[in-house]
Amino acid sequence: MFIYKDLYSSASSHIIMSNDKVHVNVQNQQGKSAAPSAIKLSKTDSLKKVKLKIAVMSGKGGVGKSFVTMSLAVGFALRGLKVGILDADIYGPTIPKLLGLTNTSLYLDDKRQVIIPAVGPLGIKVVSMDFLLPSEETAVVWRGALVAKAVDDFLSNVDWGELDVLLIDLPPGTGDAPLTMAQMLSDQMTGSIIVTIPSDVSLRIVKKSIDFSKKLKIPIIGIVENMCCFTCPESGKSYNIFGKNIGEDMAKQEGLKFLGRIPMDPRISESNDAGVPFLLKYPDIEATQSVMNIVNEVLEMNKDKLSGQQKKTLSLMKLPGEEEEQ
């Protein structure tokens, strides 16, 4: 058994995971323990009100997959959509940090016996292993079976409510977590977004995620090239540090859609470290426009599935050359 961080901040409680099921053990304020009760919803119940279920993948670490997940989530929310993020990167969860949620907890609805997601900027719902660890330095030392079980529980035992988009931030590679997610949601998955950087080393490994998606019959929405170049904030001049057009060339070779590229900018790193989405802090920079263009591409590709959802732009930001919708 493994014990994680409190689900309630006002009571002593913890989540206990064994090899076959998850229990929540809650102690009331008087210190009396309630009997552990199993939490189990079906994937149909948990995700039946989620319109788009999108996995964000990469074949290797270090390409900014979680950063892209967070950025797309904020972009969707700025377009007026209800958004959630399942941080399935069990070994290296970073979504809470990027959204400024490091001191936030998950909560248990003891009447319905379901876990309630944390809520971040623009109402983005988040579930992450990071919320369940005693400290940010704590390592998750698990074999693959427990990783797969955690992904199963995050999909089944969380009340996501009504969402337009659920982004699933998968760990690098093609192991237990991506495989579990794909098998569980095989008939519900909208598709995957593959993240790469413009280097041949990344390209060789990222192609494995493309092959993974194809073998498991997950539709590939498209390719995002992160860190495509460095744009100097002072001069506005761009430099191709790693390579040029590698992500776009790969998309053409594989017959996939190239969604766009996101440039490097020191203000992004500053915002990430501060836990403030850069799209909110720097709405006028090139990287923000790039992310919003990718968001618009994905929305256009899935407009039928989002039918009935009125597209609108929040007044929080107004992109250059773009009039705010009334």
C-alpha atoms as a PDB file:
ATOM      1  CA  MET A   1       0.000   0.000   0.000  1.00  0.00           C
ATOM      2  CA  PHE A   2       1.049   3.585  -0.645  1.00  0.00           C
ATOM      3  CA  ILE A   3      -0.180   6.658   1.231  1.00  0.00           C
ATOM      4  CA  TYR A   4      -0.295  10.112  -0.331  1.00  0.00           C
ATOM      5  CA  LYS A   5      -1.103  13.665   0.605  1.00  0.00           C
ATOM      6  CA  ASP A   6      -4.307  14.728   2.366  1.00  0.00           C
ATOM      7  CA  LEU A   7      -7.397  15.090   0.243  1.00  0.00           C
ATOM      8  CA  TYR A   8      -8.957  17.422   2.800  1.00  0.00           C
ATOM      9  CA  SER A   9      -7.012  20.398   4.093  1.00  0.00           C
ATOM     10  CA  SER A  10      -9.234  20.726   7.200  1.00  0.00           C
ATOM     11  CA  ALA A  11      -9.288  17.070   8.220  1.00  0.00           C
ATOM     12  CA  SER A  12      -6.765  14.291   8.435  1.00  0.00           C
ATOM     13  CA  SER A  13      -7.317  12.154   5.358  1.00  0.00           C
ATOM     14  CA  HIS A  14      -5.287  10.304   2.817  1.00  0.00           C
ATOM     15  CA  ILE A  15      -5.620   8.243  -0.289  1.00  0.00           C
ATOM     16  CA  ILE A  16      -4.451   4.643  -0.095  1.00  0.00           C
ATOM     17  CA  MET A  17      -3.626   2.686  -3.221  1.00  0.00           C
ATOM     18  CA  SER A  18      -3.198  -1.058  -3.281  1.00  0.00           C
ATOM     19  CA  ASN A  19      -2.557  -3.222  -6.301  1.00  0.00           C
ATOM     20  CA  ASP A  20      -6.234  -3.728  -7.085  1.00  0.00           C
ATOM     21  CA  LYS A  21      -8.230  -0.740  -5.892  1.00  0.00           C
ATOM     22  CA  VAL A  22      -8.144   2.738  -4.413  1.00  0.00           C
ATOM     23  CA  HIS A  23      -9.608   3.572  -1.029  1.00  0.00           C
ATOM     24  CA  VAL A  24     -10.046   6.917   0.659  1.00  0.00           C
ATOM     25  CA  ASN A  25      -9.538   6.884   4.389  1.00  0.00           C
ATOM     26  CA  VAL A  26     -10.951  10.014   6.048  1.00  0.00           C
ATOM     27  CA  GLN A  27     -10.669  11.010   9.658  1.00  0.00           C
ATOM     28  CA  ASN A  28     -13.079  13.610  10.947  1.00  0.00           C
ATOM     29  CA  GLN A  29     -12.012  16.586  13.043  1.00  0.00           C
ATOM     30  CA  GLN A  30     -12.548  14.557  16.230  1.00  0.00           C
ATOM     31  CA  GLY A  31      -9.931  12.099  15.015  1.00  0.00           C
ATOM     32  CA  LYS A  32     -12.352   9.239  14.430  1.00  0.00           C
ATOM     33  CA  SER A  33     -11.608   7.246  11.327  1.00  0.00           C
ATOM     34  CA  ALA A  34     -14.291   6.512   8.823  1.00  0.00           C
ATOM     35  CA  ALA A  35     -14.239   3.085   7.262  1.00  0.00           C
ATOM     36  CA  PRO A  36     -12.337   3.087   3.980  1.00  0.00           C
ATOM     37  CA  SER A  37     -14.678   2.988   1.016  1.00  0.00           C
ATOM     38  CA  ALA A  38     -13.829   2.060  -2.534  1.00  0.00           C
ATOM     39  CA  ILE A  39     -14.235   4.749  -5.170  1.00  0.00           C
ATOM     40  CA  LYS A  40     -15.206   3.504  -8.568  1.00  0.00           C
ATOM     41  CA  LEU A  41     -17.053   5.136 -11.427  1.00  0.00           C
ATOM     42  CA  SER A  42     -17.134   3.829 -14.934  1.00  0.00           C
ATOM     43  CA  LYS A  43     -15.207   5.724 -17.591  1.00  0.00           C
ATOM     44  CA  THR A  44     -18.598   6.381 -19.188  1.00  0.00           C
ATOM     45  CA  ASP A  45     -19.912   8.106 -16.066  1.00  0.00           C
ATOM     46  CA  SER A  46     -16.726  10.049 -15.393  1.00  0.00           C
ATOM     47  CA  LEU A  47     -16.185  11.353 -18.920  1.00  0.00           C
ATOM     48  CA  LYS A  48     -19.636  11.231 -20.492  1.00  0.00           C
ATOM     49  CA  LYS A  49     -19.965  15.032 -20.384  1.00  0.00           C
ATOM     50  CA  VAL A  50     -16.530  15.686 -21.912  1.00  0.00           C
ATOM     51  CA  LYS A  51     -16.769  16.605 -25.609  1.00  0.00           C
ATOM     52  CA  LEU A  52     -13.102  16.427 -26.652  1.00  0.00           C
ATOM     53  CA  LYS A  53     -10.543  14.106 -25.077  1.00  0.00           C
ATOM     54  CA  ILE A  54      -7.083  14.946 -26.379  1.00  0.00           C
ATOM     55  CA  ALA A  55      -3.818  13.244 -25.391  1.00  0.00           C
ATOM     56  CA  VAL A  56      -0.651  15.342 -25.591  1.00  0.00           C
ATOM     57  CA  MET A  57       2.320  13.078 -26.298  1.00  0.00           C
ATOM     58  CA  SER A  58       6.026  13.070 -27.065  1.00  0.00           C
ATOM     59  CA  GLY A  59       8.477  10.265 -27.576  1.00  0.00           C
ATOM     60  CA  LYS A  60      11.043  11.833 -25.262  1.00  0.00           C
ATOM     61  CA  GLY A  61      11.357  14.231 -22.369  1.00  0.00           C
ATOM     62  CA  GLY A  62      12.637  17.769 -22.626  1.00  0.00           C
ATOM     63  CA  VAL A  63      10.518  18.925 -25.561  1.00  0.00           C
ATOM     64  CA  GLY A  64       8.073  20.959 -23.458  1.00  0.00           C
ATOM     65  CA  LYS A  65       5.081  18.613 -23.645  1.00  0.00           C
ATOM     66  CA  SER A  66       3.605  19.728 -20.325  1.00  0.00           C
ATOM     67  CA  PHE A  67       4.223  23.358 -21.234  1.00  0.00           C
ATOM     68  CA  VAL A  68       2.335  22.849 -24.497  1.00  0.00           C
ATOM     69  CA  THR A  69      -0.504  21.107 -22.623  1.00  0.00           C
ATOM     70  CA  MET A  70      -0.817  24.004 -20.186  1.00  0.00           C
ATOM     71  CA  SER A  71      -0.612  26.605 -22.958  1.00  0.00           C
ATOM     72  CA  LEU A  72      -3.296  24.903 -25.062  1.00  0.00           C
ATOM     73  CA  ALA A  73      -5.555  24.582 -22.011  1.00  0.00           C
ATOM     74  CA  VAL A  74      -5.273  28.303 -21.277  1.00  0.00           C
ATOM     75  CA  GLY A  75      -5.809  29.055 -24.964  1.00  0.00           C
ATOM     76  CA  PHE A  76      -8.982  26.965 -25.086  1.00  0.00           C
ATOM     77  CA  ALA A  77     -10.225  28.669 -21.916  1.00  0.00           C
ATOM     78  CA  LEU A  78      -9.546  32.086 -23.429  1.00  0.00           C
ATOM     79  CA  ARG A  79     -11.775  31.036 -26.317  1.00  0.00           C
ATOM     80  CA  GLY A  80     -14.585  30.535 -23.820  1.00  0.00           C
ATOM     81  CA  LEU A  81     -14.418  26.744 -23.466  1.00  0.00           C
ATOM     82  CA  LYS A  82     -14.655  24.671 -20.289  1.00  0.00           C
ATOM     83  CA  VAL A  83     -11.300  22.942 -19.920  1.00  0.00           C
ATOM     84  CA  GLY A  84      -9.695  20.236 -17.788  1.00  0.00           C
ATOM     85  CA  ILE A  85      -6.186  18.792 -17.568  1.00  0.00           C
ATOM     86  CA  LEU A  86      -5.390  15.271 -16.447  1.00  0.00           C
ATOM     87  CA  ASP A  87      -1.695  15.344 -15.556  1.00  0.00           C
ATOM     88  CA  ALA A  88      -0.887  11.703 -16.247  1.00  0.00           C
ATOM     89  CA  ASP A  89       2.863  12.299 -16.099  1.00  0.00           C
ATOM     90  CA  ILE A  90       3.001  10.331 -12.860  1.00  0.00           C
ATOM     91  CA  TYR A  91       6.772  10.444 -12.361  1.00  0.00           C
ATOM     92  CA  GLY A  92       7.257  14.106 -13.238  1.00  0.00           C
ATOM     93  CA  PRO A  93       4.026  16.077 -12.732  1.00  0.00           C
ATOM     94  CA  THR A  94       4.512  19.783 -13.535  1.00  0.00           C
ATOM     95  CA  ILE A  95       1.077  21.088 -14.532  1.00  0.00           C
ATOM     96  CA  PRO A  96       0.244  22.392 -11.010  1.00  0.00           C
ATOM     97  CA  LYS A  97       3.467  24.431 -10.944  1.00  0.00           C
ATOM     98  CA  LEU A  98       2.820  25.927 -14.380  1.00  0.00           C
ATOM     99  CA  LEU A  99      -0.690  26.981 -13.342  1.00  0.00           C
ATOM    100  CA  GLY A 100       0.252  28.295  -9.891  1.00  0.00           C
ATOM    101  CA  LEU A 101      -1.487  25.444  -8.036  1.00  0.00           C
ATOM    102  CA  THR A 102       1.405  24.035  -6.017  1.00  0.00           C
ATOM    103  CA  ASN A 103      -0.314  24.664  -2.660  1.00  0.00           C
ATOM    104  CA  THR A 104      -3.670  23.319  -3.773  1.00  0.00           C
ATOM    105  CA  SER A 105      -5.279  20.010  -2.795  1.00  0.00           C
ATOM    106  CA  LEU A 106      -7.799  17.622  -4.263  1.00  0.00           C
ATOM    107  CA  TYR A 107     -11.047  17.102  -2.363  1.00  0.00           C
ATOM    108  CA  LEU A 108     -13.281  14.126  -1.779  1.00  0.00           C
ATOM    109  CA  ASP A 109     -17.043  14.408  -2.090  1.00  0.00           C
ATOM    110  CA  ASP A 110     -17.842  11.919   0.667  1.00  0.00           C
ATOM    111  CA  LYS A 111     -21.510  11.698  -0.284  1.00  0.00           C
ATOM    112  CA  ARG A 112     -20.873  10.668  -3.862  1.00  0.00           C
ATOM    113  CA  GLN A 113     -17.453   9.128  -3.179  1.00  0.00           C
ATOM    114  CA  VAL A 114     -15.726  10.929  -6.030  1.00  0.00           C
ATOM    115  CA  ILE A 115     -12.649  13.150  -6.195  1.00  0.00           C
ATOM    116  CA  ILE A 116     -13.172  16.802  -7.104  1.00  0.00           C
ATOM    117  CA  PRO A 117     -10.468  18.385  -9.295  1.00  0.00           C
ATOM    118  CA  ALA A 118      -8.529  21.455  -8.272  1.00  0.00           C
ATOM    119  CA  VAL A 119      -9.459  24.623 -10.149  1.00  0.00           C
ATOM    120  CA  GLY A 120      -6.844  26.880 -11.722  1.00  0.00           C
ATOM    121  CA  PRO A 121      -6.849  30.078 -13.788  1.00  0.00           C
ATOM    122  CA  LEU A 122      -9.912  30.639 -15.999  1.00  0.00           C
ATOM    123  CA  GLY A 123     -11.671  27.771 -14.236  1.00  0.00           C
ATOM    124  CA  ILE A 124      -9.363  25.066 -15.659  1.00  0.00           C
ATOM    125  CA  LYS A 125      -9.898  21.807 -13.732  1.00  0.00           C
ATOM    126  CA  VAL A 126      -6.745  19.896 -12.849  1.00  0.00           C
ATOM    127  CA  VAL A 127      -5.973  16.446 -11.439  1.00  0.00           C
ATOM    128  CA  SER A 128      -2.335  15.545 -10.833  1.00  0.00           C
ATOM    129  CA  MET A 129      -0.222  13.182  -8.797  1.00  0.00           C
ATOM    130  CA  ASP A 130       1.593  16.294  -7.596  1.00  0.00           C
ATOM    131  CA  PHE A 131      -1.403  17.124  -5.381  1.00  0.00           C
ATOM    132  CA  LEU A 132      -1.026  13.792  -3.583  1.00  0.00           C
ATOM    133  CA  LEU A 133       2.658  13.942  -2.694  1.00  0.00           C
ATOM    134  CA  PRO A 134       3.904  15.187   0.699  1.00  0.00           C
ATOM    135  CA  SER A 135       6.490  17.493  -0.892  1.00  0.00           C
ATOM    136  CA  GLU A 136       7.656  18.588  -4.319  1.00  0.00           C
ATOM    137  CA  GLU A 137      10.895  16.614  -3.800  1.00  0.00           C
ATOM    138  CA  THR A 138       9.081  13.317  -3.220  1.00  0.00           C
ATOM    139  CA  ALA A 139       9.809  10.739  -5.903  1.00  0.00           C
ATOM    140  CA  VAL A 140       7.131   8.350  -7.150  1.00  0.00           C
ATOM    141  CA  VAL A 141       8.915   4.991  -7.071  1.00  0.00           C
ATOM    142  CA  TRP A 142       6.470   2.728  -8.837  1.00  0.00           C
ATOM    143  CA  ARG A 143       6.548  -0.159 -11.229  1.00  0.00           C
ATOM    144  CA  GLY A 144       4.505   0.105 -14.394  1.00  0.00           C
ATOM    145  CA  ALA A 145       1.425  -1.660 -13.044  1.00  0.00           C
ATOM    146  CA  LEU A 146       0.829   0.999 -10.405  1.00  0.00           C
ATOM    147  CA  VAL A 147       1.364   3.792 -12.911  1.00  0.00           C
ATOM    148  CA  ALA A 148      -1.268   2.231 -15.123  1.00  0.00           C
ATOM    149  CA  LYS A 149      -3.596   1.882 -12.131  1.00  0.00           C
ATOM    150  CA  ALA A 150      -3.160   5.540 -11.204  1.00  0.00           C
ATOM    151  CA  VAL A 151      -4.113   6.617 -14.728  1.00  0.00           C
ATOM    152  CA  ASP A 152      -7.135   4.308 -14.542  1.00  0.00           C
ATOM    153  CA  ASP A 153      -8.241   5.863 -11.255  1.00  0.00           C
ATOM    154  CA  PHE A 154      -7.733   9.431 -12.454  1.00  0.00           C
ATOM    155  CA  LEU A 155      -9.977   8.671 -15.411  1.00  0.00           C
ATOM    156  CA  SER A 156     -12.602   6.695 -13.496  1.00  0.00           C
ATOM    157  CA  ASN A 157     -12.828   8.229 -10.045  1.00  0.00           C
ATOM    158  CA  VAL A 158     -12.823  11.951 -10.762  1.00  0.00           C
ATOM    159  CA  ASP A 159     -15.929  14.058 -11.257  1.00  0.00           C
ATOM    160  CA  TRP A 160     -14.876  16.102 -14.294  1.00  0.00           C
ATOM    161  CA  GLY A 161     -18.378  17.444 -14.833  1.00  0.00           C
ATOM    162  CA  GLU A 162     -19.196  19.175 -18.097  1.00  0.00           C
ATOM    163  CA  LEU A 163     -16.093  19.962 -20.155  1.00  0.00           C
ATOM    164  CA  ASP A 164     -15.555  21.002 -23.729  1.00  0.00           C
ATOM    165  CA  VAL A 165     -11.942  19.821 -23.719  1.00  0.00           C
ATOM    166  CA  LEU A 166      -9.988  17.423 -21.493  1.00  0.00           C
ATOM    167  CA  LEU A 167      -6.256  17.489 -22.211  1.00  0.00           C
ATOM    168  CA  ILE A 168      -4.350  14.418 -20.999  1.00  0.00           C
ATOM    169  CA  ASP A 169      -0.671  15.193 -20.421  1.00  0.00           C
ATOM    170  CA  LEU A 170       1.006  11.825 -20.899  1.00  0.00           C
ATOM    171  CA  PRO A 171       4.523  10.944 -19.741  1.00  0.00           C
ATOM    172  CA  PRO A 172       7.249  10.678 -22.375  1.00  0.00           C
ATOM    173  CA  GLY A 173       7.547   7.411 -24.230  1.00  0.00           C
ATOM    174  CA  THR A 174       5.100   4.662 -25.124  1.00  0.00           C
ATOM    175  CA  GLY A 175       4.907   2.685 -21.878  1.00  0.00           C
ATOM    176  CA  ASP A 176       2.252   1.780 -19.328  1.00  0.00           C
ATOM    177  CA  ALA A 177       0.531   5.148 -18.844  1.00  0.00           C
ATOM    178  CA  PRO A 178      -0.066   5.906 -22.549  1.00  0.00           C
ATOM    179  CA  LEU A 179      -1.024   2.289 -23.202  1.00  0.00           C
ATOM    180  CA  THR A 180      -3.530   2.227 -20.319  1.00  0.00           C
ATOM    181  CA  MET A 181      -5.092   5.508 -21.417  1.00  0.00           C
ATOM    182  CA  ALA A 182      -5.367   4.357 -25.023  1.00  0.00           C
ATOM    183  CA  GLN A 183      -6.950   1.035 -24.097  1.00  0.00           C
ATOM    184  CA  MET A 184      -9.419   2.600 -21.662  1.00  0.00           C
ATOM    185  CA  LEU A 185     -10.525   5.366 -24.006  1.00  0.00           C
ATOM    186  CA  SER A 186     -10.096   3.581 -27.305  1.00  0.00           C
ATOM    187  CA  ASP A 187     -13.650   4.347 -28.385  1.00  0.00           C
ATOM    188  CA  GLN A 188     -13.785   7.835 -26.859  1.00  0.00           C
ATOM    189  CA  MET A 189     -10.437   9.450 -27.653  1.00  0.00           C
ATOM    190  CA  THR A 190     -10.704  12.479 -29.941  1.00  0.00           C
ATOM    191  CA  GLY A 191      -7.049  12.189 -30.859  1.00  0.00           C
ATOM    192  CA  SER A 192      -3.464  12.949 -29.944  1.00  0.00           C
ATOM    193  CA  ILE A 193      -1.250  15.995 -30.362  1.00  0.00           C
ATOM    194  CA  ILE A 194       2.421  15.124 -30.823  1.00  0.00           C
ATOM    195  CA  VAL A 195       5.013  17.594 -29.490  1.00  0.00           C
ATOM    196  CA  THR A 196       8.550  17.832 -30.835  1.00  0.00           C
ATOM    197  CA  ILE A 197      11.413  20.293 -31.074  1.00  0.00           C
ATOM    198  CA  PRO A 198      13.306  21.059 -34.296  1.00  0.00           C
ATOM    199  CA  SER A 199      16.173  18.615 -33.868  1.00  0.00           C
ATOM    200  CA  ASP A 200      16.970  15.327 -35.558  1.00  0.00           C
ATOM    201  CA  VAL A 201      17.488  13.598 -32.197  1.00  0.00           C
ATOM    202  CA  SER A 202      13.984  14.572 -31.059  1.00  0.00           C
ATOM    203  CA  LEU A 203      12.548  13.715 -34.459  1.00  0.00           C
ATOM    204  CA  ARG A 204      13.796  10.135 -34.331  1.00  0.00           C
ATOM    205  CA  ILE A 205      12.162   9.482 -30.961  1.00  0.00           C
ATOM    206  CA  VAL A 206       8.975  11.471 -31.483  1.00  0.00           C
ATOM    207  CA  LYS A 207       8.203   9.293 -34.503  1.00  0.00           C
ATOM    208  CA  LYS A 208       7.682   6.462 -32.028  1.00  0.00           C
ATOM    209  CA  SER A 209       4.697   8.357 -30.570  1.00  0.00           C
ATOM    210  CA  ILE A 210       3.280   8.663 -34.067  1.00  0.00           C
ATOM    211  CA  ASP A 211       3.705   4.923 -34.568  1.00  0.00           C
ATOM    212  CA  PHE A 212       2.154   4.302 -31.130  1.00  0.00           C
ATOM    213  CA  SER A 213      -0.934   6.339 -31.991  1.00  0.00           C
ATOM    214  CA  LYS A 214      -1.339   4.599 -35.324  1.00  0.00           C
ATOM    215  CA  LYS A 215      -0.975   1.107 -33.853  1.00  0.00           C
ATOM    216  CA  LEU A 216      -3.579   1.836 -31.182  1.00  0.00           C
ATOM    217  CA  LYS A 217      -5.846   3.573 -33.692  1.00  0.00           C
ATOM    218  CA  ILE A 218      -5.729   6.938 -31.933  1.00  0.00           C
ATOM    219  CA  PRO A 219      -6.402   9.671 -34.495  1.00  0.00           C
ATOM    220  CA  ILE A 220      -3.477  12.108 -34.673  1.00  0.00           C
ATOM    221  CA  ILE A 221      -4.741  15.672 -34.605  1.00  0.00           C
ATOM    222  CA  GLY A 222      -1.374  17.065 -35.591  1.00  0.00           C
ATOM    223  CA  ILE A 223       2.209  18.014 -34.776  1.00  0.00           C
ATOM    224  CA  VAL A 224       3.329  20.969 -32.653  1.00  0.00           C
ATOM    225  CA  GLU A 225       6.931  22.147 -32.922  1.00  0.00           C
ATOM    226  CA  ASN A 226       7.936  23.706 -29.617  1.00  0.00           C
ATOM    227  CA  MET A 227      11.055  25.867 -29.148  1.00  0.00           C
ATOM    228  CA  CYS A 228      11.183  26.425 -32.894  1.00  0.00           C
ATOM    229  CA  CYS A 229      13.402  29.462 -32.571  1.00  0.00           C
ATOM    230  CA  PHE A 230      14.500  32.216 -30.223  1.00  0.00           C
ATOM    231  CA  THR A 231      12.863  35.593 -30.688  1.00  0.00           C
ATOM    232  CA  CYS A 232      14.791  38.440 -29.092  1.00  0.00           C
ATOM    233  CA  PRO A 233      12.370  40.574 -27.032  1.00  0.00           C
ATOM    234  CA  GLU A 234      14.384  43.721 -27.759  1.00  0.00           C
ATOM    235  CA  SER A 235      15.034  43.453 -31.494  1.00  0.00           C
ATOM    236  CA  GLY A 236      12.265  41.050 -32.509  1.00  0.00           C
ATOM    237  CA  LYS A 237      14.776  39.101 -34.591  1.00  0.00           C
ATOM    238  CA  SER A 238      14.460  35.307 -34.628  1.00  0.00           C
ATOM    239  CA  TYR A 239      17.256  32.732 -34.465  1.00  0.00           C
ATOM    240  CA  ASN A 240      16.886  29.021 -35.289  1.00  0.00           C
ATOM    241  CA  ILE A 241      18.874  27.509 -32.426  1.00  0.00           C
ATOM    242  CA  PHE A 242      18.125  23.796 -32.930  1.00  0.00           C
ATOM    243  CA  GLY A 243      17.076  23.510 -36.541  1.00  0.00           C
ATOM    244  CA  LYS A 244      14.507  24.802 -39.006  1.00  0.00           C
ATOM    245  CA  ASN A 245      11.162  23.425 -40.186  1.00  0.00           C
ATOM    246  CA  ILE A 246      11.955  19.927 -38.892  1.00  0.00           C
ATOM    247  CA  GLY A 247       8.546  19.436 -37.288  1.00  0.00           C
ATOM    248  CA  GLU A 248       6.732  20.625 -40.392  1.00  0.00           C
ATOM    249  CA  ASP A 249       8.841  18.408 -42.640  1.00  0.00           C
ATOM    250  CA  MET A 250       8.101  15.403 -40.426  1.00  0.00           C
ATOM    251  CA  ALA A 251       4.372  16.119 -40.584  1.00  0.00           C
ATOM    252  CA  LYS A 252       4.526  16.169 -44.378  1.00  0.00           C
ATOM    253  CA  GLN A 253       6.476  12.906 -44.475  1.00  0.00           C
ATOM    254  CA  GLU A 254       3.958  11.204 -42.198  1.00  0.00           C
ATOM    255  CA  GLY A 255       0.918  12.679 -43.928  1.00  0.00           C
ATOM    256  CA  LEU A 256      -0.111  14.558 -40.778  1.00  0.00           C
ATOM    257  CA  LYS A 257      -1.300  18.083 -40.123  1.00  0.00           C
ATOM    258  CA  PHE A 258       1.284  20.551 -38.885  1.00  0.00           C
ATOM    259  CA  LEU A 259      -0.514  22.635 -36.261  1.00  0.00           C
ATOM    260  CA  GLY A 260       2.170  25.250 -35.750  1.00  0.00           C
ATOM    261  CA  ARG A 261       5.367  26.224 -33.987  1.00  0.00           C
ATOM    262  CA  ILE A 262       5.970  28.007 -30.684  1.00  0.00           C
ATOM    263  CA  PRO A 263       9.056  30.233 -30.332  1.00  0.00           C
ATOM    264  CA  MET A 264      11.304  30.481 -27.289  1.00  0.00           C
ATOM    265  CA  ASP A 265      11.070  33.653 -25.248  1.00  0.00           C
ATOM    266  CA  PRO A 266      12.720  34.429 -21.881  1.00  0.00           C
ATOM    267  CA  ARG A 267       9.413  35.841 -20.677  1.00  0.00           C
ATOM    268  CA  ILE A 268       7.905  32.356 -20.988  1.00  0.00           C
ATOM    269  CA  SER A 269      10.499  30.916 -18.599  1.00  0.00           C
ATOM    270  CA  GLU A 270       9.883  33.800 -16.211  1.00  0.00           C
ATOM    271  CA  SER A 271       6.147  33.137 -16.236  1.00  0.00           C
ATOM    272  CA  ASN A 272       6.566  29.366 -15.825  1.00  0.00           C
ATOM    273  CA  ASP A 273       8.783  29.838 -12.771  1.00  0.00           C
ATOM    274  CA  ALA A 274       6.241  32.238 -11.277  1.00  0.00           C
ATOM    275  CA  GLY A 275       3.340  29.871 -11.906  1.00  0.00           C
ATOM    276  CA  VAL A 276       1.544  32.383 -14.145  1.00  0.00           C
ATOM    277  CA  PRO A 277       0.485  31.297 -17.654  1.00  0.00           C
ATOM    278  CA  PHE A 278       2.407  33.493 -20.079  1.00  0.00           C
ATOM    279  CA  LEU A 279      -0.657  33.882 -22.284  1.00  0.00           C
ATOM    280  CA  LEU A 280      -2.266  35.878 -19.477  1.00  0.00           C
ATOM    281  CA  LYS A 281       0.811  37.908 -18.547  1.00  0.00           C
ATOM    282  CA  TYR A 282       2.069  38.590 -22.071  1.00  0.00           C
ATOM    283  CA  PRO A 283      -0.974  38.493 -24.389  1.00  0.00           C
ATOM    284  CA  ASP A 284       0.723  40.432 -27.191  1.00  0.00           C
ATOM    285  CA  ILE A 285       3.931  38.453 -27.731  1.00  0.00           C
ATOM    286  CA  GLU A 286       4.565  36.191 -30.711  1.00  0.00           C
ATOM    287  CA  ALA A 287       4.431  32.980 -28.647  1.00  0.00           C
ATOM    288  CA  THR A 288       0.929  33.812 -27.429  1.00  0.00           C
ATOM    289  CA  GLN A 289      -0.256  34.423 -30.974  1.00  0.00           C
ATOM    290  CA  SER A 290       1.331  31.117 -32.027  1.00  0.00           C
ATOM    291  CA  VAL A 291      -0.485  29.164 -29.305  1.00  0.00           C
ATOM    292  CA  MET A 292      -3.804  30.807 -30.133  1.00  0.00           C
ATOM    293  CA  ASN A 293      -3.347  29.953 -33.803  1.00  0.00           C
ATOM    294  CA  ILE A 294      -2.850  26.294 -32.827  1.00  0.00           C
ATOM    295  CA  VAL A 295      -5.934  26.462 -30.604  1.00  0.00           C
ATOM    296  CA  ASN A 296      -7.958  27.865 -33.493  1.00  0.00           C
ATOM    297  CA  GLU A 297      -6.749  25.050 -35.774  1.00  0.00           C
ATOM    298  CA  VAL A 298      -7.815  22.371 -33.290  1.00  0.00           C
ATOM    299  CA  LEU A 299     -11.193  24.025 -32.721  1.00  0.00           C
ATOM    300  CA  GLU A 300     -11.824  24.259 -36.438  1.00  0.00           C
ATOM    301  CA  MET A 301     -10.976  20.578 -36.891  1.00  0.00           C
ATOM    302  CA  ASN A 302     -13.423  19.589 -34.138  1.00  0.00           C
ATOM    303  CA  LYS A 303     -16.184  22.148 -34.579  1.00  0.00           C
ATOM    304  CA  ASP A 304     -18.798  19.431 -35.197  1.00  0.00           C
ATOM    305  CA  LYS A 305     -18.037  17.785 -31.858  1.00  0.00           C
ATOM    306  CA  LEU A 306     -18.271  21.164 -30.156  1.00  0.00           C
ATOM    307  CA  SER A 307     -21.555  22.046 -31.847  1.00  0.00           C
ATOM    308  CA  GLY A 308     -23.794  24.020 -29.569  1.00  0.00           C
ATOM    309  CA  GLN A 309     -20.787  25.645 -27.890  1.00  0.00           C
ATOM    310  CA  GLN A 310     -20.730  29.324 -28.780  1.00  0.00           C
ATOM    311  CA  LYS A 311     -17.200  30.415 -29.550  1.00  0.00           C
ATOM    312  CA  LYS A 312     -16.214  33.614 -27.789  1.00  0.00           C
ATOM    313  CA  THR A 313     -13.082  35.427 -26.816  1.00  0.00           C
ATOM    314  CA  LEU A 314     -12.719  36.521 -23.205  1.00  0.00           C
ATOM    315  CA  SER A 315     -11.958  40.167 -22.626  1.00  0.00           C
ATOM    316  CA  LEU A 316      -8.913  39.105 -20.618  1.00  0.00           C
ATOM    317  CA  MET A 317      -6.882  39.264 -23.792  1.00  0.00           C
ATOM    318  CA  LYS A 318      -7.109  40.751 -27.242  1.00  0.00           C
ATOM    319  CA  LEU A 319      -4.663  39.450 -29.778  1.00  0.00           C
ATOM    320  CA  PRO A 320      -2.890  41.823 -32.158  1.00  0.00           C
ATOM    321  CA  GLY A 321      -5.002  42.543 -35.225  1.00  0.00           C
ATOM    322  CA  GLU A 322      -7.982  40.758 -33.743  1.00  0.00           C
ATOM    323  CA  GLU A 323     -11.251  42.419 -32.819  1.00  0.00           C
ATOM    324  CA  GLU A 324     -12.944  41.182 -29.688  1.00  0.00           C
ATOM    325  CA  GLU A 325     -16.187  39.349 -30.322  1.00  0.00           C
ATOM    326  CA  GLN A 326     -19.266  40.839 -28.779  1.00  0.00           C
END
